[in-house]
Amino acid sequence: MNTEIPAELVREARRQLQLPQLAATLRHHLGELPRSVSVDEIDTDLHPRCQMLSHSLRHLGDAGLSVSQYFAIALQQFHAAEQIIRHHPVGRDQLKFLDFACGYGRLLNFLVHALPHDNIQAAEIMPEAVSHVQHRCGIRAWQSTEAPEDFQPDQRYDMIWVASLFSHLPEELFVRWLNRLHALLSDDGILCFTVHDEALLPEDMELPDSGLLYIEGSENADLSPTIYGTSFVNECFVRRALEQATGHDRAYRRFPRLIAYEQDVYMIGRDGRRVPDSMTELRHGLRGWVDGCRIQADGNLHLHGWAASMDGDVIEGVEISLGEQSRFITTGEARPEVASVLGKPELAHCGWSCAMPLPAGGTEPYLTVSARGRLDPPALLYAGPLGTPGGTR
């Protein structure tokens, strides 16, 4: 992890990753996996240089929130990819899957339990990450390259998943990587990649006429800013880039804010083939956050946050577990700022709050908070030890 992060915070995050309650919580949220997958098979031992966890630690300054955010987004990625796999014309047992720019295995940690290991491959430009996913996930991993044309795996793929790469590329590499990865699709293959849409631009920035704004700087200090920064695009740019890279501009599908309700997902098939209609209604699922967690003078733990369906459904509520206690509460409290930030007026009353007595005894109670709905898997909002009163937020 980055040396800018306080050593004490890093140690606490590493400790929390090893707690058995974390793996149990994640298994609970992975109901789509076969029942034969046990809690012991859920890997939470992240690589020390995992830049995604480091980014959260640096930004949030809290181990529990950072670990929770890391795995909440991992679950969201898995559920999004799983929806596509479920409707793919190639059956699950035969599907050849490539996780390109896989990092240290955020998606792979879960995906290896949903597809045959021999059918999953990964690629990453960072050598340590390649070794890590090969060892921890038990799959074949390729060393990626700075020049797209030099990336030469020995097979084609039915599904190529590229999360948080095109959202970091300058224009020339954006088109060249589209071209290279599209060429690696099988006849029924589908390329899925994420971007930062122009809707996410800060108010003081605007796109140039090209439709892509590239900023030299990202959460990954290990990569040169000349090839990996932060990019924002509009749909017109993506359409032109697809046409330039593949020769087709009408066969793609776009899913705004599908990943973490932030990055758009674009999907395109091989040789102009349209993405199957069964994939047109991918769900965003449930989202939320724990904004406050503090032991008050009354001796109770007071929690508050928000939770909502990003697809406009009414959610059942929020499930809270503290040690042996559990509580199920409904949303409905005013949270106009959430509606404003997410651009969804219907979320104006998605807030919730709860007070729970502290468990008796001297053991460290474990806190989990999840949003639950009828149509989607539960969404993880928080998972971590409560700690001492001085360590609560």
Protein backbone atom coordinates (compact mmCIF):
# COMPACT_ATOMS: atom_id res chain seq x y z
CA MET A 1 0.00 0.00 0.00
CA ASN A 2 1.06 3.56 -0.59
CA THR A 3 3.46 4.95 2.02
CA GLU A 4 1.33 8.09 2.33
CA ILE A 5 -1.24 6.06 4.23
CA PRO A 6 -0.59 5.95 8.00
CA ALA A 7 0.97 2.64 9.01
CA GLU A 8 -1.58 2.17 11.79
CA LEU A 9 -4.43 2.47 9.29
CA VAL A 10 -2.80 -0.08 6.99
CA ARG A 11 -2.33 -2.53 9.87
CA GLU A 12 -5.94 -2.19 10.92
CA ALA A 13 -7.16 -2.79 7.36
CA ARG A 14 -4.97 -5.91 7.11
CA ARG A 15 -6.37 -7.15 10.43
CA GLN A 16 -9.94 -6.66 9.30
CA LEU A 17 -9.30 -8.55 6.06
CA GLN A 18 -8.33 -11.61 8.10
CA LEU A 19 -11.45 -11.67 10.30
CA PRO A 20 -13.61 -14.74 9.56
CA GLN A 21 -16.77 -12.63 9.83
CA LEU A 22 -15.81 -10.77 6.65
CA ALA A 23 -15.69 -13.92 4.53
CA ALA A 24 -18.98 -15.08 6.07
CA THR A 25 -20.60 -11.74 5.26
CA LEU A 26 -19.40 -11.86 1.65
CA ARG A 27 -20.63 -15.43 1.21
CA HIS A 28 -24.04 -14.28 2.44
CA HIS A 29 -24.08 -11.65 -0.31
CA LEU A 30 -23.04 -14.14 -3.00
CA GLY A 31 -26.24 -16.12 -3.08
CA GLU A 32 -25.83 -16.72 -6.84
CA LEU A 33 -22.86 -19.01 -6.21
CA PRO A 34 -23.40 -22.78 -5.99
CA ARG A 35 -24.29 -23.94 -2.50
CA SER A 36 -21.18 -26.11 -2.47
CA VAL A 37 -18.98 -22.98 -2.23
CA SER A 38 -18.12 -22.66 1.46
CA VAL A 39 -17.19 -19.63 3.51
CA ASP A 40 -13.62 -20.93 3.75
CA GLU A 41 -13.28 -20.64 -0.03
CA ILE A 42 -13.98 -16.89 -0.08
CA ASP A 43 -10.58 -15.18 -0.31
CA THR A 44 -10.24 -11.83 1.48
CA ASP A 45 -6.43 -11.74 1.70
CA LEU A 46 -5.82 -8.79 -0.62
CA HIS A 47 -2.36 -8.06 -1.97
CA PRO A 48 -0.54 -5.38 0.09
CA ARG A 49 -0.09 -3.26 -3.06
CA CYS A 50 -3.74 -3.41 -4.11
CA GLN A 51 -4.23 0.14 -5.38
CA MET A 52 -8.03 0.04 -5.10
CA LEU A 53 -7.97 -0.59 -1.35
CA SER A 54 -5.16 1.94 -0.98
CA HIS A 55 -7.26 4.54 -2.79
CA SER A 56 -10.15 3.99 -0.37
CA LEU A 57 -7.88 4.14 2.68
CA ARG A 58 -6.34 7.37 1.47
CA HIS A 59 -9.70 8.91 0.63
CA LEU A 60 -11.80 7.70 3.59
CA GLY A 61 -9.16 7.41 6.33
CA ASP A 62 -11.11 4.58 7.97
CA ALA A 63 -10.29 0.87 7.75
CA GLY A 64 -13.85 -0.41 8.14
CA LEU A 65 -15.30 1.93 5.55
CA SER A 66 -12.45 1.23 3.12
CA VAL A 67 -12.67 -2.56 3.35
CA SER A 68 -16.46 -2.33 3.05
CA GLN A 69 -16.26 -0.06 0.00
CA TYR A 70 -13.72 -2.32 -1.70
CA PHE A 71 -15.89 -5.42 -1.37
CA ALA A 72 -19.18 -3.60 -2.01
CA ILE A 73 -17.87 -2.58 -5.44
CA ALA A 74 -16.43 -6.07 -6.00
CA LEU A 75 -19.90 -7.50 -5.35
CA GLN A 76 -21.48 -4.96 -7.70
CA GLN A 77 -19.03 -5.91 -10.46
CA PHE A 78 -19.68 -9.59 -9.92
CA HIS A 79 -23.46 -9.20 -10.01
CA ALA A 80 -23.23 -7.12 -13.21
CA ALA A 81 -20.93 -9.63 -14.92
CA GLU A 82 -23.07 -12.52 -13.67
CA GLN A 83 -26.16 -11.05 -15.35
CA ILE A 84 -24.32 -11.03 -18.68
CA ILE A 85 -22.94 -14.54 -18.20
CA ARG A 86 -26.41 -15.83 -17.36
CA HIS A 87 -27.81 -14.62 -20.69
CA HIS A 88 -24.76 -15.29 -22.85
CA PRO A 89 -25.48 -17.49 -25.91
CA VAL A 90 -22.50 -19.66 -24.95
CA GLY A 91 -23.37 -21.79 -21.92
CA ARG A 92 -21.74 -21.15 -18.56
CA ASP A 93 -19.73 -24.36 -18.64
CA GLN A 94 -18.19 -23.54 -22.04
CA LEU A 95 -17.82 -19.75 -21.72
CA LYS A 96 -14.23 -18.55 -22.25
CA PHE A 97 -13.80 -15.45 -20.08
CA LEU A 98 -10.98 -12.87 -20.03
CA ASP A 99 -10.74 -10.33 -17.20
CA PHE A 100 -8.53 -7.73 -18.88
CA ALA A 101 -6.74 -5.15 -16.69
CA CYS A 102 -7.79 -7.32 -13.74
CA GLY A 103 -5.68 -5.55 -11.13
CA TYR A 104 -5.20 -7.74 -8.07
CA GLY A 105 -8.36 -9.74 -8.69
CA ARG A 106 -11.26 -7.66 -7.39
CA LEU A 107 -13.72 -9.48 -9.67
CA LEU A 108 -11.78 -12.74 -9.99
CA ASN A 109 -11.96 -13.52 -6.26
CA PHE A 110 -15.69 -14.16 -6.77
CA LEU A 111 -15.80 -15.17 -10.43
CA VAL A 112 -13.64 -18.25 -9.87
CA HIS A 113 -16.55 -19.74 -7.93
CA ALA A 114 -19.04 -19.11 -10.75
CA LEU A 115 -17.14 -20.42 -13.81
CA PRO A 116 -14.78 -23.35 -14.39
CA HIS A 117 -11.21 -22.29 -13.57
CA ASP A 118 -9.91 -23.58 -16.88
CA ASN A 119 -12.30 -21.22 -18.72
CA ILE A 120 -11.11 -18.06 -16.94
CA GLN A 121 -8.03 -16.08 -17.91
CA ALA A 122 -6.77 -12.69 -16.78
CA ALA A 123 -4.41 -10.03 -18.04
CA GLU A 124 -2.66 -7.20 -16.24
CA ILE A 125 0.30 -4.94 -16.98
CA MET A 126 1.64 -5.05 -13.40
CA PRO A 127 3.83 -8.17 -12.95
CA GLU A 128 3.05 -8.50 -9.23
CA ALA A 129 -0.67 -8.54 -9.98
CA VAL A 130 -0.22 -11.23 -12.65
CA SER A 131 1.63 -13.46 -10.17
CA HIS A 132 -0.93 -12.75 -7.45
CA VAL A 133 -4.03 -13.73 -9.43
CA GLN A 134 -2.32 -16.83 -10.81
CA HIS A 135 -1.41 -17.96 -7.31
CA ARG A 136 -4.52 -16.89 -5.38
CA CYS A 137 -7.17 -17.59 -8.04
CA GLY A 138 -5.61 -20.63 -9.68
CA ILE A 139 -6.11 -19.38 -13.23
CA ARG A 140 -3.90 -18.53 -16.20
CA ALA A 141 -2.86 -14.88 -16.31
CA TRP A 142 -1.15 -12.97 -19.12
CA GLN A 143 1.32 -10.11 -18.84
CA SER A 144 -0.26 -7.20 -20.66
CA THR A 145 1.75 -4.64 -22.66
CA GLU A 146 1.96 -0.89 -23.14
CA ALA A 147 1.41 -1.32 -26.90
CA PRO A 148 -1.94 -3.03 -27.59
CA GLU A 149 -0.58 -4.70 -30.71
CA ASP A 150 1.98 -6.59 -28.59
CA PHE A 151 -0.71 -8.31 -26.52
CA GLN A 152 -0.95 -11.77 -28.10
CA PRO A 153 -2.83 -14.42 -26.10
CA ASP A 154 -3.24 -17.76 -27.82
CA GLN A 155 -7.04 -17.93 -27.97
CA ARG A 156 -10.26 -16.00 -28.50
CA TYR A 157 -12.83 -15.31 -25.80
CA ASP A 158 -16.60 -15.45 -25.50
CA MET A 159 -16.60 -12.59 -22.99
CA ILE A 160 -13.96 -9.96 -22.32
CA TRP A 161 -14.56 -7.83 -19.23
CA VAL A 162 -12.60 -4.56 -18.91
CA ALA A 163 -13.44 -2.57 -15.78
CA SER A 164 -11.68 0.75 -15.12
CA LEU A 165 -9.22 0.73 -17.99
CA PHE A 166 -10.88 2.77 -20.73
CA SER A 167 -11.85 5.25 -18.02
CA HIS A 168 -8.10 5.93 -17.70
CA LEU A 169 -6.80 5.95 -21.29
CA PRO A 170 -5.77 8.76 -23.63
CA GLU A 171 -7.56 8.91 -26.99
CA GLU A 172 -5.03 7.02 -29.13
CA LEU A 173 -4.74 4.10 -26.70
CA PHE A 174 -8.50 4.06 -26.21
CA VAL A 175 -9.03 3.27 -29.91
CA ARG A 176 -6.08 0.89 -30.21
CA TRP A 177 -7.12 -1.19 -27.20
CA LEU A 178 -10.68 -1.36 -28.50
CA ASN A 179 -9.34 -2.67 -31.78
CA ARG A 180 -7.07 -5.24 -30.15
CA LEU A 181 -9.59 -6.61 -27.66
CA HIS A 182 -12.42 -6.71 -30.19
CA ALA A 183 -10.17 -8.83 -32.43
CA LEU A 184 -9.85 -11.37 -29.60
CA LEU A 185 -13.58 -12.11 -29.48
CA SER A 186 -14.98 -15.46 -30.57
CA ASP A 187 -17.81 -15.52 -33.10
CA ASP A 188 -20.36 -15.20 -30.27
CA GLY A 189 -18.05 -13.06 -28.14
CA ILE A 190 -19.02 -9.90 -26.26
CA LEU A 191 -16.66 -7.13 -25.18
CA CYS A 192 -17.74 -5.21 -22.05
CA PHE A 193 -15.83 -2.09 -20.99
CA THR A 194 -16.44 0.79 -18.60
CA VAL A 195 -15.95 4.54 -19.03
CA HIS A 196 -16.40 7.77 -17.11
CA ASP A 197 -19.22 9.59 -18.89
CA GLU A 198 -19.17 13.37 -19.26
CA ALA A 199 -21.94 13.51 -16.64
CA LEU A 200 -19.26 12.86 -14.02
CA LEU A 201 -17.13 15.85 -15.02
CA PRO A 202 -16.44 18.41 -12.29
CA GLU A 203 -18.36 21.64 -12.84
CA ASP A 204 -15.21 23.58 -13.76
CA MET A 205 -14.26 21.19 -16.58
CA GLU A 206 -15.67 20.50 -20.04
CA LEU A 207 -14.92 18.08 -22.83
CA PRO A 208 -12.90 19.22 -25.85
CA ASP A 209 -14.45 18.89 -29.32
CA SER A 210 -12.98 15.39 -29.62
CA GLY A 211 -15.35 14.16 -26.89
CA LEU A 212 -12.55 12.83 -24.64
CA LEU A 213 -10.83 14.72 -21.84
CA TYR A 214 -7.63 13.12 -20.56
CA ILE A 215 -6.04 14.14 -17.25
CA GLU A 216 -2.59 12.86 -16.29
CA GLY A 217 -3.23 11.47 -12.83
CA SER A 218 -4.98 8.48 -11.25
CA GLU A 219 -5.16 6.33 -8.13
CA ASN A 220 -2.47 4.03 -9.59
CA ALA A 221 0.97 5.54 -8.99
CA ASP A 222 2.66 2.42 -10.43
CA LEU A 223 1.72 3.32 -14.03
CA SER A 224 3.06 6.14 -16.19
CA PRO A 225 0.61 9.07 -16.45
CA THR A 226 1.31 9.18 -20.19
CA ILE A 227 -0.54 5.89 -20.67
CA TYR A 228 -2.82 5.77 -17.61
CA GLY A 229 -4.55 8.80 -16.15
CA THR A 230 -8.24 9.73 -15.84
CA SER A 231 -10.53 10.06 -18.85
CA PHE A 232 -14.03 11.42 -19.40
CA VAL A 233 -15.96 10.79 -22.61
CA ASN A 234 -19.32 11.35 -24.25
CA GLU A 235 -21.30 8.74 -26.16
CA CYS A 236 -20.48 10.36 -29.50
CA PHE A 237 -16.78 9.78 -28.87
CA VAL A 238 -17.34 6.15 -27.88
CA ARG A 239 -19.45 5.56 -31.00
CA ARG A 240 -16.75 7.02 -33.25
CA ALA A 241 -14.04 5.06 -31.43
CA LEU A 242 -15.99 1.83 -31.88
CA GLU A 243 -16.49 2.50 -35.57
CA GLN A 244 -12.80 3.35 -36.03
CA ALA A 245 -11.66 0.30 -34.07
CA THR A 246 -14.16 -2.30 -35.27
CA GLY A 247 -15.82 -0.93 -38.39
CA HIS A 248 -19.23 -0.94 -36.67
CA ASP A 249 -20.95 1.84 -34.77
CA ARG A 250 -24.56 0.68 -34.36
CA ALA A 251 -24.24 -2.71 -32.71
CA TYR A 252 -23.23 -1.56 -29.23
CA ARG A 253 -25.33 -1.19 -26.11
CA ARG A 254 -24.74 1.33 -23.34
CA PHE A 255 -25.71 0.91 -19.68
CA PRO A 256 -25.28 4.25 -17.86
CA ARG A 257 -23.74 4.04 -14.39
CA LEU A 258 -23.99 0.26 -14.17
CA ILE A 259 -20.82 -0.13 -12.08
CA ALA A 260 -20.93 1.47 -8.62
CA TYR A 261 -23.53 3.86 -10.07
CA GLU A 262 -20.56 5.69 -11.54
CA GLN A 263 -19.03 4.08 -14.61
CA ASP A 264 -21.03 3.35 -17.77
CA VAL A 265 -20.74 -0.10 -19.34
CA TYR A 266 -20.59 -0.47 -23.14
CA MET A 267 -21.06 -3.85 -24.80
CA ILE A 268 -20.31 -4.81 -28.39
CA GLY A 269 -20.34 -8.13 -30.21
CA ARG A 270 -18.08 -9.60 -32.86
CA ASP A 271 -18.25 -8.35 -36.48
CA GLY A 272 -21.22 -6.08 -35.96
CA ARG A 273 -23.41 -8.71 -34.32
CA ARG A 274 -25.91 -7.16 -31.99
CA VAL A 275 -25.73 -7.92 -28.29
CA PRO A 276 -28.55 -10.40 -27.50
CA ASP A 277 -31.85 -8.79 -26.54
CA SER A 278 -31.81 -10.79 -23.31
CA MET A 279 -28.99 -8.49 -22.16
CA THR A 280 -30.87 -5.24 -22.69
CA GLU A 281 -32.35 -5.00 -19.19
CA LEU A 282 -29.36 -5.32 -16.89
CA ARG A 283 -30.17 -4.17 -13.38
CA HIS A 284 -28.11 -1.69 -11.41
CA GLY A 285 -29.26 -3.22 -8.14
CA LEU A 286 -29.20 -1.70 -4.66
CA ARG A 287 -26.79 0.91 -3.35
CA GLY A 288 -26.25 2.74 -0.09
CA TRP A 289 -23.83 3.89 2.57
CA VAL A 290 -23.34 4.14 6.33
CA ASP A 291 -22.80 7.84 7.01
CA GLY A 292 -22.54 7.68 10.79
CA CYS A 293 -21.69 5.06 13.41
CA ARG A 294 -21.13 6.29 16.96
CA ILE A 295 -21.65 5.21 20.56
CA GLN A 296 -23.65 7.98 22.23
CA ALA A 297 -24.00 8.98 25.87
CA ASP A 298 -27.04 6.72 26.24
CA GLY A 299 -24.75 3.71 25.71
CA ASN A 300 -26.37 2.74 22.42
CA LEU A 301 -24.79 2.48 19.00
CA HIS A 302 -26.39 5.04 16.71
CA LEU A 303 -26.26 4.44 12.96
CA HIS A 304 -27.56 6.40 10.01
CA GLY A 305 -27.18 6.29 6.25
CA TRP A 306 -29.10 5.75 3.04
CA ALA A 307 -30.15 2.84 0.85
CA ALA A 308 -32.12 2.61 -2.37
CA SER A 309 -32.75 0.71 -5.58
CA MET A 310 -31.02 2.29 -8.57
CA ASP A 311 -33.71 0.78 -10.80
CA GLY A 312 -36.62 2.63 -9.21
CA ASP A 313 -37.97 -0.27 -7.16
CA VAL A 314 -39.15 0.03 -3.57
CA ILE A 315 -36.62 -1.76 -1.38
CA GLU A 316 -37.60 -3.90 1.57
CA GLY A 317 -35.24 -2.17 3.97
CA VAL A 318 -31.90 -2.33 5.75
CA GLU A 319 -30.66 -5.35 7.67
CA ILE A 320 -28.30 -4.59 10.58
CA SER A 321 -26.41 -7.15 12.60
CA LEU A 322 -24.33 -6.34 15.70
CA GLY A 323 -22.86 -9.39 17.37
CA GLU A 324 -25.83 -11.68 18.09
CA GLN A 325 -28.38 -8.90 17.62
CA SER A 326 -30.17 -8.13 14.39
CA ARG A 327 -32.53 -5.37 13.33
CA PHE A 328 -34.51 -4.78 10.13
CA ILE A 329 -35.56 -1.21 9.43
CA THR A 330 -37.19 0.59 6.56
CA THR A 331 -36.01 3.70 4.73
CA GLY A 332 -38.03 6.88 4.37
CA GLU A 333 -36.04 9.64 6.07
CA ALA A 334 -35.29 12.78 4.07
CA ARG A 335 -31.98 12.68 2.16
CA PRO A 336 -32.32 15.36 -0.55
CA GLU A 337 -28.54 15.56 -1.01
CA VAL A 338 -28.40 11.90 -2.10
CA ALA A 339 -31.08 12.56 -4.71
CA SER A 340 -29.17 15.62 -5.89
CA VAL A 341 -25.74 13.96 -6.14
CA LEU A 342 -27.07 10.88 -7.94
CA GLY A 343 -29.45 12.85 -10.14
CA LYS A 344 -32.45 10.76 -9.03
CA PRO A 345 -35.24 12.84 -7.43
CA GLU A 346 -37.04 9.67 -6.36
CA LEU A 347 -34.29 9.06 -3.79
CA ALA A 348 -35.16 12.15 -1.75
CA HIS A 349 -36.41 9.97 1.13
CA CYS A 350 -33.95 7.06 1.06
CA GLY A 351 -32.47 7.73 4.52
CA TRP A 352 -32.52 5.46 7.54
CA SER A 353 -31.35 5.52 11.16
CA CYS A 354 -31.18 3.07 14.03
CA ALA A 355 -30.06 2.79 17.67
CA MET A 356 -28.93 -0.55 19.07
CA PRO A 357 -27.65 -1.52 22.54
CA LEU A 358 -24.07 -2.66 22.73
CA PRO A 359 -23.57 -6.40 23.22
CA ALA A 360 -22.68 -7.49 26.72
CA GLY A 361 -19.22 -8.88 27.41
CA GLY A 362 -15.75 -7.84 26.43
CA THR A 363 -15.56 -9.30 22.91
CA GLU A 364 -15.28 -7.04 19.90
CA PRO A 365 -18.71 -7.05 18.21
CA TYR A 366 -18.86 -7.30 14.43
CA LEU A 367 -21.19 -4.93 12.58
CA THR A 368 -22.78 -5.63 9.21
CA VAL A 369 -25.25 -3.45 7.34
CA SER A 370 -26.96 -4.51 4.10
CA ALA A 371 -29.72 -3.20 1.87
CA ARG A 372 -32.31 -5.79 0.88
CA GLY A 373 -34.83 -5.88 -1.96
CA ARG A 374 -37.14 -8.34 -3.69
CA LEU A 375 -35.54 -8.33 -7.14
CA ASP A 376 -31.80 -7.98 -6.46
CA PRO A 377 -29.08 -9.57 -4.34
CA PRO A 378 -28.45 -7.80 -1.03
CA ALA A 379 -26.06 -4.86 -1.23
CA LEU A 380 -23.22 -4.60 1.29
CA LEU A 381 -23.11 -1.22 3.02
CA TYR A 382 -20.73 -2.01 5.86
CA ALA A 383 -18.82 -4.93 7.36
CA GLY A 384 -16.30 -4.50 10.16
CA PRO A 385 -15.56 -4.74 13.88
CA LEU A 386 -17.10 -2.07 16.05
CA GLY A 387 -13.93 -1.55 18.05
CA THR A 388 -13.73 0.64 21.12
CA PRO A 389 -15.88 3.75 21.65
CA GLY A 390 -12.88 5.90 20.80
CA GLY A 391 -12.57 4.12 17.47
CA THR A 392 -16.10 4.70 16.25
CA ARG A 393 -17.12 7.45 13.89
